[in-house]
């Protein structure tokens, strides 16, 4: 296991959200993937999973919400607040366990070892 992979998994296991940039569909945009650890003991997490047709994992298992989206570069340059309505080419999936997370990230052309704290990437949301 590489140091970057270990660091990212350790942060996720502690409940810290991470993100990385990905290639946008349009050259006028920037694109990101965000990974959000889910706490299966929280009712809001169980409701999110149910609303998205997902199974409820055991409370002590690792579950993640993965979001990807693009935002117009000009909005970011103006330093305006980015809202959900400003996002484009959005998608989400859920991963249950670290192996599943790795697989899901590979499907959207990135990997766990590229994940960093969102503030390092100007993650807009």
Protein backbone atom coordinates (compact mmCIF):
# COMPACT_ATOMS: atom_id res chain seq x y z
CA UNK A 1 0.00 0.00 0.00
CA UNK A 2 1.45 3.36 -1.01
CA UNK A 3 1.75 6.21 1.45
CA UNK A 4 -0.83 8.31 -0.47
CA UNK A 5 -3.30 5.44 -0.53
CA UNK A 6 -2.82 4.78 3.19
CA UNK A 7 -3.20 8.49 3.99
CA UNK A 8 -6.39 8.81 1.97
CA UNK A 9 -8.00 5.68 3.41
CA UNK A 10 -7.02 6.71 6.92
CA UNK A 11 -8.66 10.13 6.45
CA UNK A 12 -11.81 8.55 5.01
CA UNK A 13 -12.00 6.06 7.87
CA UNK A 14 -11.82 8.99 10.31
CA UNK A 15 -14.83 10.55 8.56
CA UNK A 16 -13.03 13.23 6.53
CA UNK A 17 -14.41 14.03 3.08
CA UNK A 18 -11.84 14.04 0.28
CA UNK A 19 -11.85 15.19 -3.34
CA UNK A 20 -9.83 15.25 -6.54
CA UNK A 21 -10.03 17.00 -9.87
CA UNK A 22 -11.00 15.07 -12.97
CA UNK A 23 -11.12 15.91 -16.66
CA UNK A 24 -14.20 18.01 -17.48
CA UNK A 25 -16.50 17.26 -20.41
CA UNK A 26 -16.16 20.87 -21.56
CA UNK A 27 -12.95 22.94 -21.69
CA UNK A 28 -14.80 25.90 -20.14
CA UNK A 29 -15.37 23.93 -16.94
CA UNK A 30 -13.48 22.45 -14.03
CA UNK A 31 -14.54 19.06 -12.68
CA UNK A 32 -14.21 17.26 -9.37
CA UNK A 33 -15.03 14.05 -7.60
CA UNK A 34 -15.89 14.21 -3.91
CA UNK A 35 -15.92 11.21 -1.59
CA UNK A 36 -17.99 11.51 1.58
CA UNK A 37 -17.75 8.86 4.29
CA UNK A 38 -21.18 7.87 5.55
CA UNK A 39 -22.06 7.05 9.14
CA UNK A 40 -24.62 4.25 8.96
CA UNK A 41 -25.67 4.88 12.58
CA UNK A 42 -27.18 8.26 11.63
CA UNK A 43 -30.81 8.39 10.56
CA UNK A 44 -30.01 11.04 7.92
CA UNK A 45 -27.52 8.63 6.32
CA UNK A 46 -30.03 5.78 6.32
CA UNK A 47 -32.63 8.10 4.79
CA UNK A 48 -30.17 9.22 2.07
CA UNK A 49 -29.41 5.60 1.22
CA UNK A 50 -33.08 4.56 1.21
CA UNK A 51 -34.02 7.56 -0.99
CA UNK A 52 -31.38 6.46 -3.48
CA UNK A 53 -32.41 2.80 -3.53
CA UNK A 54 -29.34 1.62 -1.61
CA UNK A 55 -29.08 -1.03 1.08
CA UNK A 56 -28.36 0.05 4.62
CA UNK A 57 -24.89 -1.23 5.58
CA UNK A 58 -23.96 -2.59 8.97
CA UNK A 59 -23.11 0.26 11.37
CA UNK A 60 -19.40 -0.60 11.56
CA UNK A 61 -18.80 -0.99 7.80
CA UNK A 62 -17.28 1.65 5.53
CA UNK A 63 -19.79 3.30 3.20
CA UNK A 64 -19.19 6.27 0.92
CA UNK A 65 -21.12 8.70 -1.21
CA UNK A 66 -19.26 9.63 -4.38
CA UNK A 67 -20.27 12.81 -6.25
CA UNK A 68 -18.89 14.18 -9.48
CA UNK A 69 -19.72 17.44 -11.16
CA UNK A 70 -18.45 20.33 -13.22
CA UNK A 71 -18.64 24.08 -12.71
CA UNK A 72 -18.02 26.91 -15.14
CA UNK A 73 -14.48 28.23 -14.71
CA UNK A 74 -15.70 31.82 -15.01
CA UNK A 75 -17.84 31.42 -11.87
CA UNK A 76 -14.84 30.21 -9.93
CA UNK A 77 -12.65 33.03 -11.23
CA UNK A 78 -15.25 35.56 -10.07
CA UNK A 79 -15.19 33.88 -6.65
CA UNK A 80 -18.97 33.80 -6.52
CA UNK A 81 -20.78 31.30 -4.39
CA UNK A 82 -21.39 28.05 -6.23
CA UNK A 83 -24.79 26.46 -5.62
CA UNK A 84 -26.19 23.11 -6.63
CA UNK A 85 -28.03 24.81 -9.51
CA UNK A 86 -24.67 26.02 -10.92
CA UNK A 87 -23.29 22.49 -11.21
CA UNK A 88 -23.26 20.59 -14.51
CA UNK A 89 -22.71 17.00 -15.61
CA UNK A 90 -23.48 15.79 -12.10
CA UNK A 91 -23.65 12.25 -10.90
CA UNK A 92 -23.37 10.18 -7.78
CA UNK A 93 -22.88 6.64 -6.64
CA UNK A 94 -22.38 4.80 -3.40
CA UNK A 95 -19.60 2.45 -2.40
CA UNK A 96 -19.65 -0.12 0.37
CA UNK A 97 -16.15 -1.00 1.53
CA UNK A 98 -12.75 0.19 0.37
CA UNK A 99 -12.52 -2.28 -2.53
CA UNK A 100 -15.87 -1.11 -3.88
CA UNK A 101 -14.75 2.52 -3.50
CA UNK A 102 -11.62 1.76 -5.50
CA UNK A 103 -13.70 0.10 -8.24
CA UNK A 104 -16.22 2.96 -8.43
CA UNK A 105 -13.47 5.59 -8.63
CA UNK A 106 -11.74 3.68 -11.42
CA UNK A 107 -15.02 3.75 -13.36
CA UNK A 108 -14.87 7.57 -13.34
CA UNK A 109 -11.17 7.63 -14.23
CA UNK A 110 -9.59 8.42 -10.87
CA UNK A 111 -8.26 6.59 -7.83
CA UNK A 112 -8.18 6.71 -4.05
CA UNK A 113 -4.54 7.78 -3.90
CA UNK A 114 -5.38 11.01 -5.79
CA UNK A 115 -7.88 12.12 -3.14
CA UNK A 116 -6.96 15.13 -1.01
CA UNK A 117 -8.63 17.48 1.46
CA UNK A 118 -11.10 19.62 -0.54
CA UNK A 119 -9.50 22.94 0.44
CA UNK A 120 -6.36 22.01 -1.51
CA UNK A 121 -8.37 21.80 -4.74
CA UNK A 122 -10.69 24.80 -4.53
CA UNK A 123 -13.53 22.28 -4.23
CA UNK A 124 -16.54 24.57 -4.67
CA UNK A 125 -19.22 22.92 -2.53
